[in-house]
Every structure is written in structure tokens, then in C-alpha cells.
Protein backbone atom coordinates (compact mmCIF):
# COMPACT_ATOMS: atom_id res chain seq x y z
CA ASN A 1 -5.95 -11.68 -32.22
CA GLU A 2 -2.76 -13.40 -33.09
CA LEU A 3 -1.46 -13.03 -29.49
CA LYS A 4 -4.59 -14.69 -28.54
CA ARG A 5 -3.77 -17.64 -30.84
CA LEU A 6 0.03 -17.61 -29.94
CA LYS A 7 -0.81 -17.99 -25.98
CA ASP A 8 -3.21 -21.01 -26.94
CA LYS A 9 -0.79 -22.74 -29.22
CA ASP A 10 2.64 -22.04 -27.87
CA ILE A 11 2.69 -20.38 -24.45
CA ASP A 12 6.59 -20.52 -24.59
CA LYS A 13 6.67 -18.09 -27.51
CA PHE A 14 4.05 -15.97 -25.89
CA ASN A 15 6.01 -15.86 -22.60
CA LYS A 16 8.99 -14.52 -24.73
CA PHE A 17 6.96 -11.90 -26.31
CA TRP A 18 5.58 -11.10 -22.93
CA ASN A 19 9.14 -10.59 -21.22
CA GLU A 20 10.38 -8.71 -24.09
CA PHE A 21 7.45 -6.28 -24.68
CA GLY A 22 4.95 -6.70 -21.99
CA ALA A 23 5.37 -3.27 -20.52
CA VAL A 24 4.90 -1.62 -23.83
CA PHE A 25 1.99 -3.83 -24.76
CA LYS A 26 0.34 -2.87 -21.52
CA GLU A 27 0.43 0.83 -22.77
CA GLY A 28 -2.73 -0.03 -25.03
CA ILE A 29 -5.03 -0.49 -22.07
CA TYR A 30 -4.57 3.22 -21.67
CA GLU A 31 -4.29 4.29 -25.17
CA ASP A 32 -6.39 1.72 -27.27
CA THR A 33 -9.97 2.24 -26.00
CA ASP A 34 -11.20 -0.37 -28.60
CA HIS A 35 -8.97 -3.08 -27.51
CA LYS A 36 -8.04 -2.38 -23.81
CA THR A 37 -10.17 -5.10 -22.43
CA ASP A 38 -8.76 -7.72 -24.77
CA ILE A 39 -5.15 -6.38 -24.01
CA LEU A 40 -5.99 -6.66 -20.22
CA LYS A 41 -6.83 -10.06 -20.77
CA LEU A 42 -3.60 -11.05 -22.26
CA SER A 43 -1.47 -9.02 -19.67
CA LYS A 44 0.28 -10.79 -16.84
CA PHE A 45 1.49 -9.64 -13.31
CA LYS A 46 3.10 -10.87 -10.45
CA SER A 47 1.29 -11.19 -7.27
CA SER A 48 1.85 -11.95 -3.39
CA ASN A 49 0.35 -15.59 -3.64
CA SER A 50 2.20 -16.88 -6.85
CA LYS A 51 5.88 -17.27 -7.88
CA ASP A 52 4.87 -16.73 -11.32
CA GLU A 53 3.09 -14.23 -13.37
CA ILE A 54 -0.65 -14.81 -13.67
CA TYR A 55 -3.29 -13.45 -15.62
CA LEU A 56 -6.17 -11.47 -14.05
CA SER A 57 -8.52 -14.47 -14.96
CA ASP A 58 -6.17 -16.64 -12.69
CA TYR A 59 -6.48 -14.03 -9.98
CA VAL A 60 -10.21 -14.04 -10.14
CA GLU A 61 -10.42 -17.79 -10.03
CA GLY A 62 -8.43 -17.89 -6.95
CA MET A 63 -10.32 -15.07 -5.00
CA HIS A 64 -11.30 -15.77 -1.44
CA LYS A 65 -15.00 -16.79 -1.49
CA LYS A 66 -15.93 -13.55 0.37
CA GLN A 67 -13.89 -11.52 -1.70
CA GLU A 68 -15.32 -8.92 -4.18
CA ASN A 69 -12.51 -6.75 -5.23
CA ILE A 70 -9.32 -7.28 -7.04
CA PHE A 71 -6.55 -6.02 -4.66
CA TYR A 72 -3.29 -4.44 -5.71
CA ILE A 73 -0.22 -2.36 -4.64
CA ALA A 74 1.68 -0.04 -7.20
CA VAL A 75 5.28 0.11 -6.20
CA ASP A 76 8.66 0.43 -7.97
CA ASN A 77 9.82 -3.23 -7.59
CA ILE A 78 8.75 -6.63 -6.05
CA ASP A 79 10.85 -6.28 -3.12
CA GLN A 80 9.32 -3.16 -2.20
CA ALA A 81 5.88 -4.69 -2.54
CA MET A 82 6.74 -7.83 -0.56
CA ASN A 83 8.04 -5.52 2.19
CA SER A 84 5.28 -3.03 2.38
CA PRO A 85 3.68 -2.79 5.66
CA HIS A 86 0.42 -2.39 3.98
CA LEU A 87 0.61 -6.15 2.81
CA GLU A 88 0.79 -7.65 6.20
CA ALA A 89 -2.71 -8.25 7.03
CA PHE A 90 -3.28 -9.49 3.65
CA LYS A 91 -0.35 -12.31 3.71
CA SER A 92 -1.79 -13.29 7.28
CA LYS A 93 -5.15 -13.91 5.57
CA LYS A 94 -3.88 -15.46 2.34
CA ILE A 95 -5.59 -12.80 0.28
CA ASP A 96 -3.85 -12.48 -3.10
CA VAL A 97 -2.53 -8.77 -4.09
CA LEU A 98 -1.22 -7.97 -7.50
CA PHE A 99 1.98 -6.16 -7.74
CA LEU A 100 1.91 -3.09 -10.25
CA THR A 101 5.53 -2.43 -11.00
CA ASP A 102 5.56 -0.81 -14.42
CA PRO A 103 4.65 2.91 -14.42
CA ILE A 104 1.98 2.34 -17.22
CA ASP A 105 0.01 0.33 -14.80
CA THR A 106 -0.87 3.43 -12.72
CA PHE A 107 -1.98 5.34 -15.63
CA TRP A 108 -4.29 2.48 -17.12
CA LEU A 109 -5.79 1.98 -13.88
CA SER A 110 -7.20 5.44 -14.17
CA THR A 111 -9.25 4.37 -17.46
CA GLN A 112 -10.02 0.90 -16.22
CA ASP A 113 -11.42 0.52 -12.78
CA ASN A 114 -12.38 -3.16 -12.97
CA TYR A 115 -11.97 -6.60 -14.49
CA ASP A 116 -14.91 -8.92 -15.20
CA GLY A 117 -16.99 -6.85 -12.97
CA LYS A 118 -14.49 -6.73 -10.02
CA LYS A 119 -13.13 -3.33 -9.02
CA PHE A 120 -9.50 -2.77 -8.72
CA VAL A 121 -8.75 -1.74 -5.12
CA SER A 122 -5.42 -0.06 -4.05
CA ILE A 123 -4.47 -1.31 -0.47
CA THR A 124 -2.54 1.79 -0.04
CA GLN A 125 -5.62 4.16 -0.32
CA GLY A 126 -8.69 4.55 2.01
CA SER A 127 -9.97 2.13 4.48
CA ILE A 128 -10.19 -1.51 3.63
CA ASP A 129 -12.37 -3.72 6.01
CA LEU A 130 -10.74 -7.03 6.12
CA SER A 131 -12.84 -8.39 9.05
CA ASN A 132 -15.14 -10.53 6.72
CA PHE A 133 -12.04 -12.80 5.73
CA ASN A 134 -11.51 -13.73 9.45
CA GLU A 135 -12.50 -17.30 10.50
CA LYS A 136 -14.02 -15.92 13.68
CA LYS A 137 -16.11 -12.54 12.77
CA ASP A 138 -14.31 -9.39 14.66
CA ASP A 139 -16.38 -7.97 17.11
CA LYS A 140 -17.24 -4.46 16.05
CA SER A 141 -17.35 -3.19 19.69
CA THR A 142 -13.70 -4.42 20.13
CA LYS A 143 -12.29 -2.03 17.32
CA GLU A 144 -14.29 0.88 18.65
CA ASP A 145 -12.89 0.02 22.31
CA VAL A 146 -9.29 0.00 20.80
CA SER A 147 -9.83 3.29 19.10
CA LYS A 148 -10.99 4.77 22.39
CA LYS A 149 -8.19 3.28 24.36
CA PHE A 150 -5.83 4.91 21.98
CA LYS A 151 -7.64 8.17 21.28
CA ASP A 152 -5.34 10.30 23.49
CA LEU A 153 -2.08 8.73 21.54
CA THR A 154 -3.46 9.40 18.00
CA GLU A 155 -4.60 12.88 18.87
CA GLY A 156 -1.35 13.51 20.30
CA ILE A 157 0.49 12.18 17.56
CA LYS A 158 -1.72 14.38 15.28
CA LYS A 159 -1.14 17.46 17.21
CA SER A 160 2.81 16.91 17.08
CA LEU A 161 2.81 16.28 13.11
CA GLY A 162 0.33 19.02 12.44
CA ASP A 163 0.04 19.65 8.64
CA ASN A 164 2.33 16.88 7.91
CA VAL A 165 -0.62 14.40 8.14
CA THR A 166 -4.28 14.75 7.43
CA ASP A 167 -5.10 12.22 10.45
CA VAL A 168 -3.77 9.61 12.63
CA LYS A 169 -5.76 6.42 13.09
CA ILE A 170 -5.50 3.06 14.64
CA SER A 171 -4.76 0.40 11.92
CA ASP A 172 -6.47 -2.94 11.85
CA LYS A 173 -4.12 -4.29 9.03
CA LEU A 174 -0.81 -3.64 10.31
CA ILE A 175 0.98 -6.81 12.27
CA ASP A 176 4.54 -6.32 12.49
CA SER A 177 5.40 -2.74 11.36
CA ALA A 178 4.66 0.26 13.67
CA CYS A 179 2.95 2.37 11.05
CA CYS A 180 2.04 3.10 7.56
CA LEU A 181 0.90 5.95 5.32
CA VAL A 182 -2.51 5.80 3.45
CA ALA A 183 -4.12 8.01 1.01
CA PRO A 184 -7.55 9.11 1.74
CA ASP A 185 -10.52 7.84 -0.35
CA SER A 186 -10.46 10.80 -2.62
CA GLY A 187 -6.80 11.21 -2.55
CA MET A 188 -4.25 10.33 -5.17
CA ASP A 189 -2.61 6.82 -4.92
CA VAL A 190 0.89 6.64 -3.56
CA GLN A 191 2.47 5.67 -6.84
CA MET A 192 0.62 8.21 -8.95
CA GLU A 193 1.58 11.05 -6.73
CA LYS A 194 5.43 9.86 -6.96
CA ILE A 195 5.03 9.89 -10.66
CA MET A 196 3.27 13.31 -10.73
CA LYS A 197 6.40 14.71 -8.76
CA MET A 198 8.99 13.02 -11.13
CA GLN A 199 7.14 14.92 -13.91
CA ASN A 200 6.63 18.23 -12.28
CA LYS A 201 9.14 19.21 -9.36
CA ASP A 202 6.78 21.86 -7.90
CA PHE A 203 4.13 19.03 -7.33
CA LYS A 204 3.74 18.94 -3.60
CA GLY A 205 0.90 16.27 -3.34
CA MET A 206 -1.23 16.02 -0.35
CA PRO A 207 -0.58 14.87 3.34
CA ARG A 208 -1.83 11.41 4.15
CA ILE A 209 -3.25 9.39 6.96
CA LEU A 210 -0.79 7.92 9.32
CA GLU A 211 -2.00 4.69 10.54
CA VAL A 212 -0.28 3.19 13.64
CA ASN A 213 -0.06 -0.47 15.09
CA PRO A 214 -1.75 -0.50 18.53
CA ASN A 215 -0.10 -4.03 19.12
CA HIS A 216 3.38 -2.55 18.63
CA SER A 217 5.68 -1.92 21.62
CA LEU A 218 6.53 1.59 20.36
CA MET A 219 2.79 2.69 20.84
CA ASN A 220 2.81 1.36 24.18
CA HIS A 221 5.92 3.40 24.89
CA MET A 222 4.49 6.48 23.48
CA SER A 223 1.31 6.12 25.39
CA LYS A 224 3.28 6.02 28.63
CA ILE A 225 5.44 9.23 27.73
CA LEU A 226 2.38 11.04 26.21
CA LYS A 227 1.93 13.31 29.36
CA SER A 228 5.40 12.91 30.97
CA ASN A 229 7.95 13.70 28.44
CA GLN A 230 6.34 15.97 25.61
CA ASN A 231 9.77 16.60 23.92
CA GLU A 232 10.53 13.02 23.45
CA PHE A 233 6.90 12.31 22.38
CA ASP A 234 7.10 14.86 19.54
CA ASP A 235 10.55 13.43 18.56
CA LEU A 236 9.21 10.03 18.35
CA SER A 237 6.07 11.06 16.38
CA LYS A 238 8.32 12.69 13.77
CA ILE A 239 10.35 9.49 13.45
CA LEU A 240 7.28 7.61 13.32
CA LEU A 241 6.38 9.62 10.08
CA ASP A 242 9.86 9.15 8.72
CA GLN A 243 9.69 5.45 9.34
CA ALA A 244 6.36 5.15 7.17
CA ARG A 245 8.20 7.28 4.44
CA LEU A 246 11.24 4.96 4.47
CA LEU A 247 9.04 1.95 3.93
CA GLU A 248 7.65 3.59 0.89
CA GLY A 249 11.24 4.18 -0.51
CA HIS A 250 11.17 7.98 0.50
CA LEU A 251 13.97 9.81 2.35
CA PRO A 252 12.65 11.27 5.78
CA ASN A 253 11.45 15.08 5.66
CA ASP A 254 14.73 15.94 7.31
CA VAL A 255 17.24 13.53 7.16
CA SER A 256 19.71 15.32 9.59
CA PHE A 257 16.91 15.44 12.27
CA TYR A 258 16.21 11.82 11.65
CA CYS A 259 19.97 10.60 12.00
CA LYS A 260 20.61 12.92 15.03
CA LYS A 261 17.30 11.67 16.98
CA ILE A 262 18.00 7.96 15.95
CA ASN A 263 21.68 8.24 17.39
CA GLU A 264 20.35 10.28 20.66
CA LEU A 265 17.99 7.30 21.23
CA ILE A 266 20.33 4.34 20.62
CA THR A 267 23.22 6.02 23.04
CA SER A 268 20.58 7.06 25.76
CA LYS A 269 20.04 3.36 26.17
CA VAL A 270 23.82 2.50 26.49
């Protein structure tokens, strides 16, 4: 209650408090069941559409007219969030995404799944349909045609990668990047999995879905060599998965293989 009054009376003092103790204060959302809603209302977050930290009430007020959920990405830092391939479609459609960069954020989300009736939705987990946000409605048949067109490619990549992925799908949210990794709807969010691995070295997590960009030049190249050069196709499939891992801040599964193949690809074009 004192912090509410301070926020209303002297925002500079409240911001000083927040800058010093904000990350610790948010632990209350996870631990204090009686006051978690009030703590959440006083909490501030970075977002893709704002230079300054915002309250959730600001986010909800600025939501797209067709938006029903609060979109977020949980990462280690702001730079990683801004450069995430998952963000590309949201940027292009000017849909705001919250950046959750404190480890506690991942934990309180497990106990607080909504704010003001708006559900929290991770942009790195499950399938998110953004077609409603287009000025011109996407033709569903067009999406199906694209999936059919690249069916041999996605099945070929899945075969090359085996159990390293649960599936390979065509993405409708990638614009510049060739690929990204997505957790299944019933799976664990990327950041939570990372935290679990830090706490338990034996925790392996589970394979995720590899989404590929049908408009990327690499996909066109892989489609051409799918039946003519199986060895190169297999290598590129593994490099594709390693790229997706690197974009998340992880090392490739086999660093030596990755470096060797990248060097071979570069020198083969000389």
C-alpha cells in the first residue's frame, strides 16, 4: 500500500525503488499468494514497442484491437530478445511483446497465467496464429499450399535430424531468419528449460519443433539438393538446427562439426 501511494505521489522515488529492488520485489508474485495481484500491478517490464519500462496496465491499454493475449518472451537480456527470430513477425505487425529478463519471471508465470483476464502467451512456445492482425486477411488455402509445396523439404530435414527435433514445420512468423526452435504446446518454455538445466546438470529437456522460413534462400537451396546431394543436405540440416540454437544463446550440439562444415562451405564457394 505504501508503494502504491509512492507511485502516485512521487514517481521518481518509486522508480529509484524499482531500479534497486524490482527483481526481488517480483518474487512476491510467486511466493505471496495474498498480494501477488497487487505486486504484479506495481511491476514494470521492458517491451518491444517501448523505450521505457511499462506497467501491465500500459501494455493492455496499448494492445492491438484484435489482440486477446499478452505476448512475452523470456530471455537472458534485452539484446537477445530484440534479436530473437521469434520477434520478427510481431515487429512487422507492430504487436508489443514483453521482455521478461529476470529468472523469477519464469517462475511467477507458472502461478499467474493472466492479468486483467488477458492470458500470458510465450512467443517461443506452441503455434501462434497472427493472421488476424494482417490488414488483408490471409488466405488459409495459401498457407496449406505452402506447406504442401515444402512437404518433401520438411520431411527430409526431419529425417536428417532424427530424434534431435520432435517435428519440422513451415513457419508463418519468420521474416529474415532461416529458422527457429519452438517448444510444443504441452512442452516447457525455452527459458524455464534453461533454468532447470542450470539447477540440474542431468536434466536433458526435450527435443523441440524446428520451424523453417519458406521464403529464405537457404530453404530454396536445400530444396534443390534434397534428392541430388544427400550428404550436403544432411550437413545443412544439422547446421540449420545449430543456427537455431545459436540464436537462443546456446552452443551447437557439436561445435567441432559446426566449425568444420562452415569452413568447408565457405571455401567451396571460393
